[in-house]
Amino acid sequence: MGENPDDFVRATIPAVFPGTSAMCRNIRTLFNFAPPATDDEIRAASLQFVRKLSGFNAPSKINQAAFDQAVEQVTEAATLLMQSLVTLAPPKDREAERIKAQAESARRFGRA
């Protein structure tokens, strides 16, 4: 990852969730997908979570260290969670879930 967390998110979120912007407001479910969530996906979700909690899209220089530390800690906790969860349900297909979400959005917001 580069020096700027925004660069990471701008590159990762659209690649992981095609059709979404870099500043998605919803953290996506990462558990029980085929293929499994990547480290980059977990980090991107962690960054979004810390942004939401802090209210900062980009923290000031004085808050940057605390912000970055929080992202690292949330990433570690989320990674541990993903590795610890167990399910008997079959993994969901990412593409199928993306198509369902787009259809639901079109239905809710009247898009063709």
PDB file of N, CA and C in Angstrom:
ATOM      1  N   MET A   1       0.841  -1.179   0.000  1.00  0.00           N
ATOM      2  CA  MET A   1       0.000   0.000   0.000  1.00  0.00           C
ATOM      3  C   MET A   1       0.877   1.228   0.000  1.00  0.00           C
ATOM      4  N   GLY A   2       0.419   2.283  -0.684  1.00  0.00           N
ATOM      5  CA  GLY A   2       1.163   3.527  -0.737  1.00  0.00           C
ATOM      6  C   GLY A   2       1.033   4.300   0.562  1.00  0.00           C
ATOM      7  N   GLU A   3       1.547   5.503   0.538  1.00  0.00           N
ATOM      8  CA  GLU A   3       1.506   6.352   1.717  1.00  0.00           C
ATOM      9  C   GLU A   3       0.097   6.826   2.049  1.00  0.00           C
ATOM     10  N   ASN A   4      -0.738   6.983   1.050  1.00  0.00           N
ATOM     11  CA  ASN A   4      -2.066   7.547   1.243  1.00  0.00           C
ATOM     12  C   ASN A   4      -3.129   6.450   1.249  1.00  0.00           C
ATOM     13  N   PRO A   5      -3.865   6.265   2.357  1.00  0.00           N
ATOM     14  CA  PRO A   5      -4.901   5.233   2.390  1.00  0.00           C
ATOM     15  C   PRO A   5      -5.980   5.439   1.335  1.00  0.00           C
ATOM     16  N   ASP A   6      -6.206   6.686   0.931  1.00  0.00           N
ATOM     17  CA  ASP A   6      -7.210   6.952  -0.105  1.00  0.00           C
ATOM     18  C   ASP A   6      -6.826   6.298  -1.424  1.00  0.00           C
ATOM     19  N   ASP A   7      -5.527   6.282  -1.723  1.00  0.00           N
ATOM     20  CA  ASP A   7      -5.077   5.648  -2.964  1.00  0.00           C
ATOM     21  C   ASP A   7      -5.431   4.172  -2.953  1.00  0.00           C
ATOM     22  N   PHE A   8      -5.245   3.544  -1.811  1.00  0.00           N
ATOM     23  CA  PHE A   8      -5.565   2.122  -1.678  1.00  0.00           C
ATOM     24  C   PHE A   8      -7.055   1.884  -1.907  1.00  0.00           C
ATOM     25  N   VAL A   9      -7.889   2.682  -1.275  1.00  0.00           N
ATOM     26  CA  VAL A   9      -9.334   2.496  -1.399  1.00  0.00           C
ATOM     27  C   VAL A   9      -9.796   2.774  -2.822  1.00  0.00           C
ATOM     28  N   ARG A  10      -9.294   3.828  -3.431  1.00  0.00           N
ATOM     29  CA  ARG A  10      -9.690   4.148  -4.805  1.00  0.00           C
ATOM     30  C   ARG A  10      -9.337   3.014  -5.761  1.00  0.00           C
ATOM     31  N   ALA A  11      -8.228   2.341  -5.504  1.00  0.00           N
ATOM     32  CA  ALA A  11      -7.806   1.239  -6.367  1.00  0.00           C
ATOM     33  C   ALA A  11      -8.524  -0.053  -6.028  1.00  0.00           C
ATOM     34  N   THR A  12      -8.843  -0.271  -4.761  1.00  0.00           N
ATOM     35  CA  THR A  12      -9.360  -1.557  -4.314  1.00  0.00           C
ATOM     36  C   THR A  12     -10.865  -1.696  -4.435  1.00  0.00           C
ATOM     37  N   ILE A  13     -11.618  -0.737  -3.952  1.00  0.00           N
ATOM     38  CA  ILE A  13     -13.069  -0.901  -3.891  1.00  0.00           C
ATOM     39  C   ILE A  13     -13.688  -1.126  -5.264  1.00  0.00           C
ATOM     40  N   PRO A  14     -13.373  -0.324  -6.288  1.00  0.00           N
ATOM     41  CA  PRO A  14     -13.979  -0.603  -7.591  1.00  0.00           C
ATOM     42  C   PRO A  14     -13.560  -1.965  -8.147  1.00  0.00           C
ATOM     43  N   ALA A  15     -12.336  -2.397  -7.860  1.00  0.00           N
ATOM     44  CA  ALA A  15     -11.883  -3.701  -8.359  1.00  0.00           C
ATOM     45  C   ALA A  15     -12.597  -4.835  -7.635  1.00  0.00           C
ATOM     46  N   VAL A  16     -12.815  -4.670  -6.345  1.00  0.00           N
ATOM     47  CA  VAL A  16     -13.463  -5.708  -5.550  1.00  0.00           C
ATOM     48  C   VAL A  16     -14.964  -5.709  -5.773  1.00  0.00           C
ATOM     49  N   PHE A  17     -15.539  -4.528  -5.881  1.00  0.00           N
ATOM     50  CA  PHE A  17     -16.982  -4.388  -6.057  1.00  0.00           C
ATOM     51  C   PHE A  17     -17.247  -3.559  -7.304  1.00  0.00           C
ATOM     52  N   PRO A  18     -17.175  -4.175  -8.489  1.00  0.00           N
ATOM     53  CA  PRO A  18     -17.386  -3.409  -9.725  1.00  0.00           C
ATOM     54  C   PRO A  18     -18.711  -2.659  -9.688  1.00  0.00           C
ATOM     55  N   GLY A  19     -18.685  -1.459 -10.220  1.00  0.00           N
ATOM     56  CA  GLY A  19     -19.891  -0.652 -10.257  1.00  0.00           C
ATOM     57  C   GLY A  19     -20.070   0.221  -9.035  1.00  0.00           C
ATOM     58  N   THR A  20     -19.117   0.165  -8.083  1.00  0.00           N
ATOM     59  CA  THR A  20     -19.213   1.019  -6.906  1.00  0.00           C
ATOM     60  C   THR A  20     -18.148   2.090  -6.982  1.00  0.00           C
ATOM     61  N   SER A  21     -18.358   3.167  -6.262  1.00  0.00           N
ATOM     62  CA  SER A  21     -17.377   4.236  -6.227  1.00  0.00           C
ATOM     63  C   SER A  21     -16.377   3.967  -5.115  1.00  0.00           C
ATOM     64  N   ALA A  22     -15.291   4.713  -5.118  1.00  0.00           N
ATOM     65  CA  ALA A  22     -14.262   4.534  -4.102  1.00  0.00           C
ATOM     66  C   ALA A  22     -14.767   4.931  -2.720  1.00  0.00           C
ATOM     67  N   MET A  23     -15.771   5.761  -2.641  1.00  0.00           N
ATOM     68  CA  MET A  23     -16.272   6.187  -1.345  1.00  0.00           C
ATOM     69  C   MET A  23     -17.603   5.525  -1.041  1.00  0.00           C
ATOM     70  N   CYS A  24     -17.641   4.221  -1.138  1.00  0.00           N
ATOM     71  CA  CYS A  24     -18.880   3.531  -0.815  1.00  0.00           C
ATOM     72  C   CYS A  24     -19.215   3.791   0.650  1.00  0.00           C
ATOM     73  N   ARG A  25     -20.451   3.905   0.953  1.00  0.00           N
ATOM     74  CA  ARG A  25     -20.882   4.189   2.316  1.00  0.00           C
ATOM     75  C   ARG A  25     -21.269   2.929   3.068  1.00  0.00           C
ATOM     76  N   ASN A  26     -21.364   1.830   2.382  1.00  0.00           N
ATOM     77  CA  ASN A  26     -21.753   0.588   3.031  1.00  0.00           C
ATOM     78  C   ASN A  26     -20.591  -0.381   3.020  1.00  0.00           C
ATOM     79  N   ILE A  27     -20.325  -0.942   4.182  1.00  0.00           N
ATOM     80  CA  ILE A  27     -19.305  -1.965   4.267  1.00  0.00           C
ATOM     81  C   ILE A  27     -19.965  -3.276   3.860  1.00  0.00           C
ATOM     82  N   ARG A  28     -19.378  -3.961   2.920  1.00  0.00           N
ATOM     83  CA  ARG A  28     -19.949  -5.191   2.376  1.00  0.00           C
ATOM     84  C   ARG A  28     -19.635  -6.400   3.251  1.00  0.00           C
ATOM     85  N   THR A  29     -20.527  -7.375   3.194  1.00  0.00           N
ATOM     86  CA  THR A  29     -20.276  -8.649   3.854  1.00  0.00           C
ATOM     87  C   THR A  29     -19.114  -9.331   3.146  1.00  0.00           C
ATOM     88  N   LEU A  30     -18.175  -9.838   3.915  1.00  0.00           N
ATOM     89  CA  LEU A  30     -16.998 -10.481   3.339  1.00  0.00           C
ATOM     90  C   LEU A  30     -16.946 -11.977   3.628  1.00  0.00           C
ATOM     91  N   PHE A  31     -17.744 -12.444   4.560  1.00  0.00           N
ATOM     92  CA  PHE A  31     -17.660 -13.847   4.970  1.00  0.00           C
ATOM     93  C   PHE A  31     -18.468 -14.754   4.055  1.00  0.00           C
ATOM     94  N   ASN A  32     -17.946 -15.917   3.830  1.00  0.00           N
ATOM     95  CA  ASN A  32     -18.589 -17.021   3.117  1.00  0.00           C
ATOM     96  C   ASN A  32     -18.837 -16.728   1.641  1.00  0.00           C
ATOM     97  N   PHE A  33     -17.796 -16.246   0.997  1.00  0.00           N
ATOM     98  CA  PHE A  33     -17.835 -16.046  -0.442  1.00  0.00           C
ATOM     99  C   PHE A  33     -16.783 -16.927  -1.102  1.00  0.00           C
ATOM    100  N   ALA A  34     -17.046 -17.289  -2.329  1.00  0.00           N
ATOM    101  CA  ALA A  34     -16.059 -17.996  -3.138  1.00  0.00           C
ATOM    102  C   ALA A  34     -15.671 -17.077  -4.280  1.00  0.00           C
ATOM    103  N   PRO A  35     -14.426 -16.732  -4.409  1.00  0.00           N
ATOM    104  CA  PRO A  35     -13.306 -17.037  -3.525  1.00  0.00           C
ATOM    105  C   PRO A  35     -13.406 -16.226  -2.227  1.00  0.00           C
ATOM    106  N   PRO A  36     -12.676 -16.657  -1.191  1.00  0.00           N
ATOM    107  CA  PRO A  36     -12.731 -15.958   0.103  1.00  0.00           C
ATOM    108  C   PRO A  36     -12.243 -14.517  -0.003  1.00  0.00           C
ATOM    109  N   ALA A  37     -12.604 -13.726   0.979  1.00  0.00           N
ATOM    110  CA  ALA A  37     -12.167 -12.326   1.029  1.00  0.00           C
ATOM    111  C   ALA A  37     -10.646 -12.259   1.046  1.00  0.00           C
ATOM    112  N   THR A  38     -10.129 -11.301   0.322  1.00  0.00           N
ATOM    113  CA  THR A  38      -8.682 -11.102   0.281  1.00  0.00           C
ATOM    114  C   THR A  38      -8.261 -10.154   1.398  1.00  0.00           C
ATOM    115  N   ASP A  39      -6.960 -10.106   1.645  1.00  0.00           N
ATOM    116  CA  ASP A  39      -6.436  -9.153   2.625  1.00  0.00           C
ATOM    117  C   ASP A  39      -6.778  -7.723   2.218  1.00  0.00           C
ATOM    118  N   ASP A  40      -6.728  -7.442   0.920  1.00  0.00           N
ATOM    119  CA  ASP A  40      -7.062  -6.099   0.439  1.00  0.00           C
ATOM    120  C   ASP A  40      -8.522  -5.753   0.701  1.00  0.00           C
ATOM    121  N   GLU A  41      -9.419  -6.703   0.529  1.00  0.00           N
ATOM    122  CA  GLU A  41     -10.844  -6.462   0.792  1.00  0.00           C
ATOM    123  C   GLU A  41     -11.080  -6.189   2.274  1.00  0.00           C
ATOM    124  N   ILE A  42     -10.423  -6.960   3.116  1.00  0.00           N
ATOM    125  CA  ILE A  42     -10.582  -6.769   4.564  1.00  0.00           C
ATOM    126  C   ILE A  42     -10.029  -5.411   4.971  1.00  0.00           C
ATOM    127  N   ARG A  43      -8.900  -5.038   4.415  1.00  0.00           N
ATOM    128  CA  ARG A  43      -8.316  -3.732   4.737  1.00  0.00           C
ATOM    129  C   ARG A  43      -9.206  -2.590   4.244  1.00  0.00           C
ATOM    130  N   ALA A  44      -9.761  -2.719   3.048  1.00  0.00           N
ATOM    131  CA  ALA A  44     -10.645  -1.677   2.517  1.00  0.00           C
ATOM    132  C   ALA A  44     -11.881  -1.521   3.400  1.00  0.00           C
ATOM    133  N   ALA A  45     -12.452  -2.623   3.860  1.00  0.00           N
ATOM    134  CA  ALA A  45     -13.612  -2.557   4.753  1.00  0.00           C
ATOM    135  C   ALA A  45     -13.218  -1.922   6.089  1.00  0.00           C
ATOM    136  N   SER A  46     -12.036  -2.253   6.568  1.00  0.00           N
ATOM    137  CA  SER A  46     -11.549  -1.681   7.829  1.00  0.00           C
ATOM    138  C   SER A  46     -11.367  -0.173   7.699  1.00  0.00           C
ATOM    139  N   LEU A  47     -10.811   0.260   6.583  1.00  0.00           N
ATOM    140  CA  LEU A  47     -10.639   1.686   6.344  1.00  0.00           C
ATOM    141  C   LEU A  47     -11.991   2.392   6.316  1.00  0.00           C
ATOM    142  N   GLN A  48     -12.968   1.811   5.643  1.00  0.00           N
ATOM    143  CA  GLN A  48     -14.302   2.407   5.599  1.00  0.00           C
ATOM    144  C   GLN A  48     -14.910   2.483   7.002  1.00  0.00           C
ATOM    145  N   PHE A  49     -14.711   1.432   7.801  1.00  0.00           N
ATOM    146  CA  PHE A  49     -15.234   1.398   9.159  1.00  0.00           C
ATOM    147  C   PHE A  49     -14.613   2.524   9.996  1.00  0.00           C
ATOM    148  N   VAL A  50     -13.300   2.672   9.927  1.00  0.00           N
ATOM    149  CA  VAL A  50     -12.624   3.728  10.695  1.00  0.00           C
ATOM    150  C   VAL A  50     -13.050   5.108  10.197  1.00  0.00           C
ATOM    151  N   ARG A  51     -13.211   5.257   8.894  1.00  0.00           N
ATOM    152  CA  ARG A  51     -13.711   6.528   8.365  1.00  0.00           C
ATOM    153  C   ARG A  51     -15.090   6.845   8.920  1.00  0.00           C
ATOM    154  N   LYS A  52     -15.949   5.853   8.957  1.00  0.00           N
ATOM    155  CA  LYS A  52     -17.309   6.066   9.447  1.00  0.00           C
ATOM    156  C   LYS A  52     -17.291   6.453  10.924  1.00  0.00           C
ATOM    157  N   LEU A  53     -16.511   5.723  11.725  1.00  0.00           N
ATOM    158  CA  LEU A  53     -16.453   6.013  13.157  1.00  0.00           C
ATOM    159  C   LEU A  53     -15.854   7.385  13.446  1.00  0.00           C
ATOM    160  N   SER A  54     -14.788   7.717  12.726  1.00  0.00           N
ATOM    161  CA  SER A  54     -14.077   8.964  13.003  1.00  0.00           C
ATOM    162  C   SER A  54     -14.741  10.179  12.368  1.00  0.00           C
ATOM    163  N   GLY A  55     -15.485   9.942  11.288  1.00  0.00           N
ATOM    164  CA  GLY A  55     -16.056  11.069  10.558  1.00  0.00           C
ATOM    165  C   GLY A  55     -15.063  11.713   9.616  1.00  0.00           C
ATOM    166  N   PHE A  56     -13.870  11.121   9.477  1.00  0.00           N
ATOM    167  CA  PHE A  56     -12.835  11.657   8.602  1.00  0.00           C
ATOM    168  C   PHE A  56     -12.762  10.851   7.319  1.00  0.00           C
ATOM    169  N   ASN A  57     -12.833  11.525   6.192  1.00  0.00           N
ATOM    170  CA  ASN A  57     -12.503  10.877   4.928  1.00  0.00           C
ATOM    171  C   ASN A  57     -10.985  10.796   4.825  1.00  0.00           C
ATOM    172  N   ALA A  58     -10.346  11.891   5.149  1.00  0.00           N
ATOM    173  CA  ALA A  58      -8.890  11.972   5.220  1.00  0.00           C
ATOM    174  C   ALA A  58      -8.567  12.759   6.488  1.00  0.00           C
ATOM    175  N   PRO A  59      -7.941  12.126   7.468  1.00  0.00           N
ATOM    176  CA  PRO A  59      -7.660  12.832   8.720  1.00  0.00           C
ATOM    177  C   PRO A  59      -6.607  13.913   8.545  1.00  0.00           C
ATOM    178  N   SER A  60      -6.618  14.853   9.470  1.00  0.00           N
ATOM    179  CA  SER A  60      -5.592  15.893   9.477  1.00  0.00           C
ATOM    180  C   SER A  60      -4.250  15.253   9.840  1.00  0.00           C
ATOM    181  N   LYS A  61      -3.177  15.984   9.599  1.00  0.00           N
ATOM    182  CA  LYS A  61      -1.846  15.454   9.922  1.00  0.00           C
ATOM    183  C   LYS A  61      -1.733  15.088  11.392  1.00  0.00           C
ATOM    184  N   ILE A  62      -2.351  15.866  12.250  1.00  0.00           N
ATOM    185  CA  ILE A  62      -2.252  15.602  13.686  1.00  0.00           C
ATOM    186  C   ILE A  62      -2.983  14.309  14.081  1.00  0.00           C
ATOM    187  N   ASN A  63      -3.990  13.916  13.301  1.00  0.00           N
ATOM    188  CA  ASN A  63      -4.751  12.696  13.598  1.00  0.00           C
ATOM    189  C   ASN A  63      -4.353  11.499  12.738  1.00  0.00           C
ATOM    190  N   GLN A  64      -3.440  11.691  11.792  1.00  0.00           N
ATOM    191  CA  GLN A  64      -3.091  10.632  10.850  1.00  0.00           C
ATOM    192  C   GLN A  64      -2.566   9.372  11.538  1.00  0.00           C
ATOM    193  N   ALA A  65      -1.687   9.515  12.507  1.00  0.00           N
ATOM    194  CA  ALA A  65      -1.100   8.346  13.175  1.00  0.00           C
ATOM    195  C   ALA A  65      -2.174   7.542  13.907  1.00  0.00           C
ATOM    196  N   ALA A  66      -3.063   8.222  14.616  1.00  0.00           N
ATOM    197  CA  ALA A  66      -4.134   7.521  15.337  1.00  0.00           C
ATOM    198  C   ALA A  66      -5.077   6.837  14.349  1.00  0.00           C
ATOM    199  N   PHE A  67      -5.385   7.513  13.262  1.00  0.00           N
ATOM    200  CA  PHE A  67      -6.255   6.966  12.229  1.00  0.00           C
ATOM    201  C   PHE A  67      -5.635   5.704  11.627  1.00  0.00           C
ATOM    202  N   ASP A  68      -4.357   5.797  11.235  1.00  0.00           N
ATOM    203  CA  ASP A  68      -3.661   4.656  10.635  1.00  0.00           C
ATOM    204  C   ASP A  68      -3.575   3.482  11.605  1.00  0.00           C
ATOM    205  N   GLN A  69      -3.312   3.772  12.876  1.00  0.00           N
ATOM    206  CA  GLN A  69      -3.248   2.710  13.880  1.00  0.00           C
ATOM    207  C   GLN A  69      -4.606   2.033  14.018  1.00  0.00           C
ATOM    208  N   ALA A  70      -5.664   2.799  14.015  1.00  0.00           N
ATOM    209  CA  ALA A  70      -7.007   2.228  14.112  1.00  0.00           C
ATOM    210  C   ALA A  70      -7.304   1.326  12.917  1.00  0.00           C
ATOM    211  N   VAL A  71      -6.917   1.762  11.717  1.00  0.00           N
ATOM    212  CA  VAL A  71      -7.129   0.938  10.522  1.00  0.00           C
ATOM    213  C   VAL A  71      -6.384  -0.383  10.669  1.00  0.00           C
ATOM    214  N   GLU A  72      -5.140  -0.336  11.135  1.00  0.00           N
ATOM    215  CA  GLU A  72      -4.353  -1.562  11.324  1.00  0.00           C
ATOM    216  C   GLU A  72      -5.003  -2.486  12.350  1.00  0.00           C
ATOM    217  N   GLN A  73      -5.457  -1.934  13.458  1.00  0.00           N
ATOM    218  CA  GLN A  73      -6.071  -2.748  14.504  1.00  0.00           C
ATOM    219  C   GLN A  73      -7.385  -3.370  14.040  1.00  0.00           C
ATOM    220  N   VAL A  74      -8.201  -2.600  13.345  1.00  0.00           N
ATOM    221  CA  VAL A  74      -9.465  -3.133  12.835  1.00  0.00           C
ATOM    222  C   VAL A  74      -9.184  -4.203  11.778  1.00  0.00           C
ATOM    223  N   THR A  75      -8.182  -3.983  10.942  1.00  0.00           N
ATOM    224  CA  THR A  75      -7.818  -4.980   9.933  1.00  0.00           C
ATOM    225  C   THR A  75      -7.398  -6.281  10.600  1.00  0.00           C
ATOM    226  N   GLU A  76      -6.589  -6.200  11.639  1.00  0.00           N
ATOM    227  CA  GLU A  76      -6.158  -7.402  12.359  1.00  0.00           C
ATOM    228  C   GLU A  76      -7.353  -8.124  12.977  1.00  0.00           C
ATOM    229  N   ALA A  77      -8.243  -7.380  13.612  1.00  0.00           N
ATOM    230  CA  ALA A  77      -9.422  -7.988  14.235  1.00  0.00           C
ATOM    231  C   ALA A  77     -10.335  -8.612  13.187  1.00  0.00           C
ATOM    232  N   ALA A  78     -10.534  -7.927  12.076  1.00  0.00           N
ATOM    233  CA  ALA A  78     -11.400  -8.448  11.018  1.00  0.00           C
ATOM    234  C   ALA A  78     -10.798  -9.693  10.380  1.00  0.00           C
ATOM    235  N   THR A  79      -9.493  -9.698  10.190  1.00  0.00           N
ATOM    236  CA  THR A  79      -8.819 -10.874   9.631  1.00  0.00           C
ATOM    237  C   THR A  79      -8.981 -12.067  10.565  1.00  0.00           C
ATOM    238  N   LEU A  80      -8.780 -11.852  11.844  1.00  0.00           N
ATOM    239  CA  LEU A  80      -8.970 -12.922  12.828  1.00  0.00           C
ATOM    240  C   LEU A  80     -10.410 -13.420  12.806  1.00  0.00           C
ATOM    241  N   LEU A  81     -11.348 -12.512  12.722  1.00  0.00           N
ATOM    242  CA  LEU A  81     -12.756 -12.894  12.658  1.00  0.00           C
ATOM    243  C   LEU A  81     -13.020 -13.757  11.429  1.00  0.00           C
ATOM    244  N   MET A  82     -12.574 -13.319  10.263  1.00  0.00           N
ATOM    245  CA  MET A  82     -12.803 -14.072   9.023  1.00  0.00           C
ATOM    246  C   MET A  82     -12.206 -15.480   9.111  1.00  0.00           C
ATOM    247  N   GLN A  83     -11.043 -15.586   9.762  1.00  0.00           N
ATOM    248  CA  GLN A  83     -10.377 -16.880   9.892  1.00  0.00           C
ATOM    249  C   GLN A  83     -11.052 -17.775  10.929  1.00  0.00           C
ATOM    250  N   SER A  84     -11.783 -17.179  11.857  1.00  0.00           N
ATOM    251  CA  SER A  84     -12.384 -17.939  12.955  1.00  0.00           C
ATOM    252  C   SER A  84     -13.816 -18.375  12.693  1.00  0.00           C
ATOM    253  N   LEU A  85     -14.521 -17.687  11.813  1.00  0.00           N
ATOM    254  CA  LEU A  85     -15.925 -18.005  11.564  1.00  0.00           C
ATOM    255  C   LEU A  85     -16.074 -19.350  10.869  1.00  0.00           C
ATOM    256  N   VAL A  86     -17.161 -20.043  11.201  1.00  0.00           N
ATOM    257  CA  VAL A  86     -17.466 -21.342  10.621  1.00  0.00           C
ATOM    258  C   VAL A  86     -18.906 -21.317  10.138  1.00  0.00           C
ATOM    259  N   THR A  87     -19.164 -21.931   9.010  1.00  0.00           N
ATOM    260  CA  THR A  87     -20.532 -22.052   8.520  1.00  0.00           C
ATOM    261  C   THR A  87     -20.686 -23.371   7.789  1.00  0.00           C
ATOM    262  N   LEU A  88     -21.894 -23.880   7.786  1.00  0.00           N
ATOM    263  CA  LEU A  88     -22.208 -25.078   7.014  1.00  0.00           C
ATOM    264  C   LEU A  88     -22.873 -24.708   5.695  1.00  0.00           C
ATOM    265  N   ALA A  89     -23.183 -23.433   5.534  1.00  0.00           N
ATOM    266  CA  ALA A  89     -23.808 -22.962   4.294  1.00  0.00           C
ATOM    267  C   ALA A  89     -22.780 -22.957   3.170  1.00  0.00           C
ATOM    268  N   PRO A  90     -23.217 -23.251   1.969  1.00  0.00           N
ATOM    269  CA  PRO A  90     -22.271 -23.192   0.848  1.00  0.00           C
ATOM    270  C   PRO A  90     -21.854 -21.742   0.592  1.00  0.00           C
ATOM    271  N   PRO A  91     -20.631 -21.538   0.121  1.00  0.00           N
ATOM    272  CA  PRO A  91     -20.186 -20.162  -0.151  1.00  0.00           C
ATOM    273  C   PRO A  91     -21.018 -19.515  -1.247  1.00  0.00           C
ATOM    274  N   LYS A  92     -21.211 -18.197  -1.096  1.00  0.00           N
ATOM    275  CA  LYS A  92     -21.959 -17.432  -2.095  1.00  0.00           C
ATOM    276  C   LYS A  92     -21.030 -17.041  -3.233  1.00  0.00           C
ATOM    277  N   ASP A  93     -21.599 -16.930  -4.408  1.00  0.00           N
ATOM    278  CA  ASP A  93     -20.857 -16.521  -5.591  1.00  0.00           C
ATOM    279  C   ASP A  93     -20.873 -15.001  -5.670  1.00  0.00           C
ATOM    280  N   ARG A  94     -19.704 -14.400  -5.754  1.00  0.00           N
ATOM    281  CA  ARG A  94     -19.602 -12.934  -5.776  1.00  0.00           C
ATOM    282  C   ARG A  94     -20.373 -12.306  -6.923  1.00  0.00           C
ATOM    283  N   GLU A  95     -20.205 -12.850  -8.104  1.00  0.00           N
ATOM    284  CA  GLU A  95     -20.853 -12.270  -9.283  1.00  0.00           C
ATOM    285  C   GLU A  95     -22.366 -12.366  -9.171  1.00  0.00           C
ATOM    286  N   ALA A  96     -22.867 -13.500  -8.722  1.00  0.00           N
ATOM    287  CA  ALA A  96     -24.312 -13.670  -8.560  1.00  0.00           C
ATOM    288  C   ALA A  96     -24.853 -12.684  -7.522  1.00  0.00           C
ATOM    289  N   GLU A  97     -24.137 -12.487  -6.439  1.00  0.00           N
ATOM    290  CA  GLU A  97     -24.563 -11.545  -5.400  1.00  0.00           C
ATOM    291  C   GLU A  97     -24.537 -10.107  -5.922  1.00  0.00           C
ATOM    292  N   ARG A  98     -23.532  -9.785  -6.732  1.00  0.00           N
ATOM    293  CA  ARG A  98     -23.449  -8.438  -7.307  1.00  0.00           C
ATOM    294  C   ARG A  98     -24.641  -8.179  -8.229  1.00  0.00           C
ATOM    295  N   ILE A  99     -24.988  -9.168  -9.039  1.00  0.00           N
ATOM    296  CA  ILE A  99     -26.123  -9.032  -9.963  1.00  0.00           C
ATOM    297  C   ILE A  99     -27.424  -8.879  -9.178  1.00  0.00           C
ATOM    298  N   LYS A 100     -27.590  -9.663  -8.120  1.00  0.00           N
ATOM    299  CA  LYS A 100     -28.796  -9.538  -7.281  1.00  0.00           C
ATOM    300  C   LYS A 100     -28.880  -8.157  -6.640  1.00  0.00           C
ATOM    301  N   ALA A 101     -27.746  -7.643  -6.162  1.00  0.00           N
ATOM    302  CA  ALA A 101     -27.735  -6.317  -5.528  1.00  0.00           C
ATOM    303  C   ALA A 101     -28.077  -5.225  -6.536  1.00  0.00           C
ATOM    304  N   GLN A 102     -27.559  -5.341  -7.754  1.00  0.00           N
ATOM    305  CA  GLN A 102     -27.884  -4.357  -8.788  1.00  0.00           C
ATOM    306  C   GLN A 102     -29.367  -4.394  -9.126  1.00  0.00           C
ATOM    307  N   ALA A 103     -29.937  -5.599  -9.230  1.00  0.00           N
ATOM    308  CA  ALA A 103     -31.363  -5.731  -9.536  1.00  0.00           C
ATOM    309  C   ALA A 103     -32.207  -5.131  -8.413  1.00  0.00           C
ATOM    310  N   GLU A 104     -31.814  -5.383  -7.178  1.00  0.00           N
ATOM    311  CA  GLU A 104     -32.553  -4.831  -6.029  1.00  0.00           C
ATOM    312  C   GLU A 104     -32.463  -3.310  -6.015  1.00  0.00           C
ATOM    313  N   SER A 105     -31.290  -2.777  -6.310  1.00  0.00           N
ATOM    314  CA  SER A 105     -31.120  -1.328  -6.364  1.00  0.00           C
ATOM    315  C   SER A 105     -31.994  -0.728  -7.458  1.00  0.00           C
ATOM    316  N   ALA A 106     -32.014  -1.359  -8.615  1.00  0.00           N
ATOM    317  CA  ALA A 106     -32.847  -0.874  -9.718  1.00  0.00           C
ATOM    318  C   ALA A 106     -34.319  -0.904  -9.334  1.00  0.00           C
ATOM    319  N   ARG A 107     -34.727  -1.942  -8.641  1.00  0.00           N
ATOM    320  CA  ARG A 107     -36.121  -2.051  -8.193  1.00  0.00           C
ATOM    321  C   ARG A 107     -36.448  -0.954  -7.184  1.00  0.00           C
ATOM    322  N   ARG A 108     -35.569  -0.763  -6.215  1.00  0.00           N
ATOM    323  CA  ARG A 108     -35.820   0.213  -5.147  1.00  0.00           C
ATOM    324  C   ARG A 108     -35.801   1.647  -5.655  1.00  0.00           C
ATOM    325  N   PHE A 109     -34.908   1.933  -6.586  1.00  0.00           N
ATOM    326  CA  PHE A 109     -34.720   3.310  -7.008  1.00  0.00           C
ATOM    327  C   PHE A 109     -35.264   3.592  -8.397  1.00  0.00           C
ATOM    328  N   GLY A 110     -36.001   2.632  -8.962  1.00  0.00           N
ATOM    329  CA  GLY A 110     -36.681   2.845 -10.226  1.00  0.00           C
ATOM    330  C   GLY A 110     -35.787   3.004 -11.428  1.00  0.00           C
ATOM    331  N   ARG A 111     -34.649   2.367 -11.381  1.00  0.00           N
ATOM    332  CA  ARG A 111     -33.725   2.445 -12.523  1.00  0.00           C
ATOM    333  C   ARG A 111     -34.022   1.282 -13.481  1.00  0.00           C
ATOM    334  N   ALA A 112     -33.825   1.554 -14.747  1.00  0.00           N
ATOM    335  CA  ALA A 112     -34.086   0.507 -15.754  1.00  0.00           C
ATOM    336  C   ALA A 112     -32.922  -0.416 -15.912  1.00  0.00           C
TER     337      ALA A 112
END
